[in-house]
C-alpha atoms as a PDB file:
ATOM      1  CA  MET A   1     -41.978 147.326  -6.895  1.00  0.00           C
ATOM      2  CA  THR A   2     -41.201 144.247  -9.673  1.00  0.00           C
ATOM      3  CA  LYS A   3     -37.969 142.068  -9.549  1.00  0.00           C
ATOM      4  CA  ALA A   4     -37.078 144.112 -13.178  1.00  0.00           C
ATOM      5  CA  ASN A   5     -37.492 148.033 -11.822  1.00  0.00           C
ATOM      6  CA  ARG A   6     -35.874 146.995  -8.097  1.00  0.00           C
ATOM      7  CA  TRP A   7     -32.808 145.454 -10.473  1.00  0.00           C
ATOM      8  CA  GLN A   8     -32.540 148.685 -12.423  1.00  0.00           C
ATOM      9  CA  THR A   9     -32.422 150.486  -8.563  1.00  0.00           C
ATOM     10  CA  ILE A  10     -29.558 148.977  -7.998  1.00  0.00           C
ATOM     11  CA  TYR A  11     -27.660 148.513 -11.535  1.00  0.00           C
ATOM     12  CA  LEU A  12     -28.310 152.585 -10.767  1.00  0.00           C
ATOM     13  CA  ALA A  13     -27.241 153.411  -7.268  1.00  0.00           C
ATOM     14  CA  VAL A  14     -23.748 150.880  -8.114  1.00  0.00           C
ATOM     15  CA  PHE A  15     -23.622 152.968 -11.431  1.00  0.00           C
ATOM     16  CA  PHE A  16     -23.467 156.537  -9.986  1.00  0.00           C
ATOM     17  CA  VAL A  17     -21.085 154.426  -6.904  1.00  0.00           C
ATOM     18  CA  ILE A  18     -18.575 153.772  -9.081  1.00  0.00           C
ATOM     19  CA  LEU A  19     -19.038 157.149 -11.361  1.00  0.00           C
ATOM     20  CA  TYR A  20     -18.727 159.589  -7.906  1.00  0.00           C
ATOM     21  CA  LEU A  21     -16.475 157.449  -5.614  1.00  0.00           C
ATOM     22  CA  PRO A  22     -13.341 158.560  -7.312  1.00  0.00           C
ATOM     23  CA  VAL A  23     -14.120 162.154  -7.454  1.00  0.00           C
ATOM     24  CA  LEU A  24     -15.052 162.217  -3.514  1.00  0.00           C
ATOM     25  CA  SER A  25     -11.490 160.454  -2.253  1.00  0.00           C
ATOM     26  CA  VAL A  26      -9.970 162.942  -4.865  1.00  0.00           C
ATOM     27  CA  ILE A  27     -12.005 166.126  -2.754  1.00  0.00           C
ATOM     28  CA  LEU A  28     -10.747 163.791   0.568  1.00  0.00           C
ATOM     29  CA  TYR A  29      -7.271 163.928  -0.482  1.00  0.00           C
ATOM     30  CA  SER A  30      -6.999 167.150  -1.414  1.00  0.00           C
ATOM     31  CA  PHE A  31      -6.857 167.864   2.858  1.00  0.00           C
ATOM     32  CA  ASN A  32      -4.439 165.259   3.057  1.00  0.00           C
ATOM     33  CA  ALA A  33      -1.424 166.750   5.634  1.00  0.00           C
ATOM     34  CA  ASN A  34       1.301 164.506   4.024  1.00  0.00           C
ATOM     35  CA  PRO A  35       1.858 165.125  -0.330  1.00  0.00           C
ATOM     36  CA  SER A  36       1.591 161.199  -1.003  1.00  0.00           C
ATOM     37  CA  THR A  37      -1.824 159.477  -1.044  1.00  0.00           C
ATOM     38  CA  ALA A  38      -0.423 156.209   0.629  1.00  0.00           C
ATOM     39  CA  LYS A  39      -0.359 158.043   4.033  1.00  0.00           C
ATOM     40  CA  TRP A  40      -3.158 159.838   5.599  1.00  0.00           C
ATOM     41  CA  THR A  41      -1.757 162.136   8.756  1.00  0.00           C
ATOM     42  CA  GLY A  42      -3.927 164.778   9.110  1.00  0.00           C
ATOM     43  CA  LEU A  43      -6.674 167.174   7.744  1.00  0.00           C
ATOM     44  CA  THR A  44      -4.530 170.665   6.878  1.00  0.00           C
ATOM     45  CA  LEU A  45      -5.232 173.642   4.099  1.00  0.00           C
ATOM     46  CA  ASP A  46      -1.927 174.576   2.544  1.00  0.00           C
ATOM     47  CA  TRP A  47      -2.557 173.605  -0.319  1.00  0.00           C
ATOM     48  CA  TYR A  48      -5.661 176.010  -0.662  1.00  0.00           C
ATOM     49  CA  ARG A  49      -3.050 178.300   0.235  1.00  0.00           C
ATOM     50  CA  GLU A  50      -0.178 177.304  -1.809  1.00  0.00           C
ATOM     51  CA  LEU A  51      -2.310 177.662  -4.500  1.00  0.00           C
ATOM     52  CA  PHE A  52      -4.156 181.264  -3.364  1.00  0.00           C
ATOM     53  CA  ASP A  53      -0.837 182.767  -2.686  1.00  0.00           C
ATOM     54  CA  ASP A  54       0.650 181.777  -5.367  1.00  0.00           C
ATOM     55  CA  LEU A  55      -0.238 184.798  -8.222  1.00  0.00           C
ATOM     56  CA  LYS A  56       1.242 183.485 -10.653  1.00  0.00           C
ATOM     57  CA  LYS A  57      -0.917 180.590 -11.302  1.00  0.00           C
ATOM     58  CA  HIS A  58      -3.679 182.886 -11.693  1.00  0.00           C
ATOM     59  CA  GLN A  59      -2.310 184.771 -14.637  1.00  0.00           C
ATOM     60  CA  PRO A  60      -2.750 181.681 -17.159  1.00  0.00           C
ATOM     61  CA  ALA A  61      -7.119 181.239 -15.824  1.00  0.00           C
ATOM     62  CA  ARG A  62      -7.269 185.267 -15.808  1.00  0.00           C
ATOM     63  CA  TYR A  63      -5.677 185.217 -20.020  1.00  0.00           C
ATOM     64  CA  SER A  64      -8.463 181.946 -20.704  1.00  0.00           C
ATOM     65  CA  SER A  65     -11.228 183.868 -18.287  1.00  0.00           C
ATOM     66  CA  SER A  66     -10.661 187.551 -21.474  1.00  0.00           C
ATOM     67  CA  ALA A  67      -9.615 185.848 -23.919  1.00  0.00           C
ATOM     68  CA  PHE A  68     -13.166 183.332 -23.085  1.00  0.00           C
ATOM     69  CA  LYS A  69     -15.385 186.578 -22.338  1.00  0.00           C
ATOM     70  CA  TRP A  70     -14.038 188.172 -26.172  1.00  0.00           C
ATOM     71  CA  GLN A  71     -14.703 185.483 -28.172  1.00  0.00           C
ATOM     72  CA  SER A  72     -17.761 185.009 -26.878  1.00  0.00           C
ATOM     73  CA  SER A  73     -18.731 188.859 -27.192  1.00  0.00           C
ATOM     74  CA  LEU A  74     -18.618 188.107 -30.543  1.00  0.00           C
ATOM     75  CA  PRO A  75     -21.609 185.985 -31.943  1.00  0.00           C
ATOM     76  CA  ARG A  76     -24.086 188.315 -30.402  1.00  0.00           C
ATOM     77  CA  PHE A  77     -22.349 192.258 -32.288  1.00  0.00           C
ATOM     78  CA  PRO A  78     -21.713 190.880 -36.085  1.00  0.00           C
ATOM     79  CA  LEU A  79     -19.747 193.064 -38.428  1.00  0.00           C
ATOM     80  CA  CYS A  80     -22.201 193.412 -40.806  1.00  0.00           C
END
């Protein structure tokens, strides 16, 4: 491995760590029992239970998905 290839590999590895570390930390803290991310109090699935129990939060997603399905079918069936 040449010196240039080694630096490119290191640069690429650092790039992906910087890119994915915030995403992984958000995923990790979504399982935190404490509402604040300042203190870790243990693992919980309560936040996800709240999200999926509340049907009102799902209604906008249903509207969006039905609108998407309707709009995506338009180009397939032209009126002319």
